[in-house]
Amino acid sequence: MKRYYFDIRDGSHFIRDDEGAELSNIESAREEATTALSEMAREWVKGRPQHRIAVEVRDDHGPILEASFSFVIKACAT
């Protein structure tokens, strides 16, 4: 098992994961990041016309992947 860390970038805010999680491989870490991102997107974009959040995954050697979500609402001319 390898330890992966899931840092959160919410606009200009950064939340570092110092605990991490032990997972069997990079695919498991990708699935974890994707699930976390979808759950955050559902809650964090409410009432905001524009937002970007990301889960940055790293191991003990550094960054290995990023999952991000951008949300924009804009009025269209009618």
C-alpha atoms as a PDB file:
ATOM      1  CA  MET A   1       0.000   0.000   0.000  1.00  0.00           C
ATOM      2  CA  LYS A   2       1.126   3.493  -0.800  1.00  0.00           C
ATOM      3  CA  ARG A   3       0.089   6.741   0.904  1.00  0.00           C
ATOM      4  CA  TYR A   4      -1.583   9.394  -1.252  1.00  0.00           C
ATOM      5  CA  TYR A   5      -2.422  12.948  -0.211  1.00  0.00           C
ATOM      6  CA  PHE A   6      -5.431  14.871  -1.530  1.00  0.00           C
ATOM      7  CA  ASP A   7      -4.879  18.625  -1.377  1.00  0.00           C
ATOM      8  CA  ILE A   8      -7.829  20.897  -2.163  1.00  0.00           C
ATOM      9  CA  ARG A   9      -7.609  24.096  -4.165  1.00  0.00           C
ATOM     10  CA  ASP A  10     -10.800  26.156  -3.885  1.00  0.00           C
ATOM     11  CA  GLY A  11     -10.348  29.301  -5.956  1.00  0.00           C
ATOM     12  CA  SER A  12      -7.419  31.027  -4.258  1.00  0.00           C
ATOM     13  CA  HIS A  13      -7.683  28.930  -1.057  1.00  0.00           C
ATOM     14  CA  PHE A  14      -5.441  25.904  -0.563  1.00  0.00           C
ATOM     15  CA  ILE A  15      -6.109  23.126   1.951  1.00  0.00           C
ATOM     16  CA  ARG A  16      -3.184  20.754   2.442  1.00  0.00           C
ATOM     17  CA  ASP A  17      -3.878  17.128   3.320  1.00  0.00           C
ATOM     18  CA  ASP A  18      -1.259  16.115   5.896  1.00  0.00           C
ATOM     19  CA  GLU A  19      -2.911  12.786   6.762  1.00  0.00           C
ATOM     20  CA  GLY A  20      -3.426  11.154   3.379  1.00  0.00           C
ATOM     21  CA  ALA A  21      -4.840   7.718   2.728  1.00  0.00           C
ATOM     22  CA  GLU A  22      -3.241   4.358   2.052  1.00  0.00           C
ATOM     23  CA  LEU A  23      -4.438   3.007  -1.290  1.00  0.00           C
ATOM     24  CA  SER A  24      -3.364   0.078  -3.444  1.00  0.00           C
ATOM     25  CA  ASN A  25      -2.444   2.006  -6.609  1.00  0.00           C
ATOM     26  CA  ILE A  26      -2.712   5.214  -8.638  1.00  0.00           C
ATOM     27  CA  GLU A  27      -6.057   4.129 -10.115  1.00  0.00           C
ATOM     28  CA  SER A  28      -7.533   3.955  -6.614  1.00  0.00           C
ATOM     29  CA  ALA A  29      -6.169   7.437  -5.909  1.00  0.00           C
ATOM     30  CA  ARG A  30      -7.719   8.708  -9.162  1.00  0.00           C
ATOM     31  CA  GLU A  31     -11.099   7.261  -8.212  1.00  0.00           C
ATOM     32  CA  GLU A  32     -10.873   8.792  -4.731  1.00  0.00           C
ATOM     33  CA  ALA A  33     -10.005  12.217  -6.187  1.00  0.00           C
ATOM     34  CA  THR A  34     -12.850  12.016  -8.711  1.00  0.00           C
ATOM     35  CA  THR A  35     -15.402  11.043  -6.074  1.00  0.00           C
ATOM     36  CA  ALA A  36     -14.271  13.791  -3.693  1.00  0.00           C
ATOM     37  CA  LEU A  37     -14.329  16.376  -6.478  1.00  0.00           C
ATOM     38  CA  SER A  38     -17.861  15.504  -7.566  1.00  0.00           C
ATOM     39  CA  GLU A  39     -19.126  15.712  -3.977  1.00  0.00           C
ATOM     40  CA  MET A  40     -17.435  19.078  -3.430  1.00  0.00           C
ATOM     41  CA  ALA A  41     -18.724  20.460  -6.736  1.00  0.00           C
ATOM     42  CA  ARG A  42     -22.286  19.656  -5.779  1.00  0.00           C
ATOM     43  CA  GLU A  43     -22.056  21.715  -2.571  1.00  0.00           C
ATOM     44  CA  TRP A  44     -19.500  24.420  -3.265  1.00  0.00           C
ATOM     45  CA  VAL A  45     -20.867  25.912  -6.484  1.00  0.00           C
ATOM     46  CA  LYS A  46     -24.325  26.722  -5.121  1.00  0.00           C
ATOM     47  CA  GLY A  47     -25.094  30.405  -5.522  1.00  0.00           C
ATOM     48  CA  ARG A  48     -21.828  31.188  -7.279  1.00  0.00           C
ATOM     49  CA  PRO A  49     -21.845  32.305 -10.896  1.00  0.00           C
ATOM     50  CA  GLN A  50     -18.270  31.123 -11.385  1.00  0.00           C
ATOM     51  CA  HIS A  51     -16.056  28.715  -9.496  1.00  0.00           C
ATOM     52  CA  ARG A  52     -13.084  26.375  -9.902  1.00  0.00           C
ATOM     53  CA  ILE A  53     -12.055  23.641  -7.507  1.00  0.00           C
ATOM     54  CA  ALA A  54      -9.364  21.007  -7.781  1.00  0.00           C
ATOM     55  CA  VAL A  55      -8.111  17.949  -5.954  1.00  0.00           C
ATOM     56  CA  GLU A  56      -4.345  17.732  -6.303  1.00  0.00           C
ATOM     57  CA  VAL A  57      -3.034  14.245  -5.575  1.00  0.00           C
ATOM     58  CA  ARG A  58       0.537  13.675  -4.450  1.00  0.00           C
ATOM     59  CA  ASP A  59       2.594  10.913  -2.930  1.00  0.00           C
ATOM     60  CA  ASP A  60       5.796  11.097  -0.885  1.00  0.00           C
ATOM     61  CA  HIS A  61       7.729  12.052  -4.037  1.00  0.00           C
ATOM     62  CA  GLY A  62       5.490  14.898  -5.188  1.00  0.00           C
ATOM     63  CA  PRO A  63       2.461  15.654  -7.383  1.00  0.00           C
ATOM     64  CA  ILE A  64       1.039  12.842  -9.508  1.00  0.00           C
ATOM     65  CA  LEU A  65      -2.348  14.042 -10.791  1.00  0.00           C
ATOM     66  CA  GLU A  66      -4.980  16.748 -10.577  1.00  0.00           C
ATOM     67  CA  ALA A  67      -8.737  16.513 -10.979  1.00  0.00           C
ATOM     68  CA  SER A  68     -10.425  19.873 -11.460  1.00  0.00           C
ATOM     69  CA  PHE A  69     -13.904  21.273 -12.023  1.00  0.00           C
ATOM     70  CA  SER A  70     -14.801  24.674 -13.462  1.00  0.00           C
ATOM     71  CA  PHE A  71     -18.300  26.070 -13.260  1.00  0.00           C
ATOM     72  CA  VAL A  72     -19.486  29.209 -15.042  1.00  0.00           C
ATOM     73  CA  ILE A  73     -22.950  30.707 -15.467  1.00  0.00           C
ATOM     74  CA  LYS A  74     -23.321  33.566 -17.883  1.00  0.00           C
ATOM     75  CA  ALA A  75     -26.326  35.336 -19.335  1.00  0.00           C
ATOM     76  CA  CYS A  76     -26.940  34.964 -23.044  1.00  0.00           C
ATOM     77  CA  ALA A  77     -28.359  37.779 -25.108  1.00  0.00           C
ATOM     78  CA  THR A  78     -31.908  37.096 -26.260  1.00  0.00           C
END
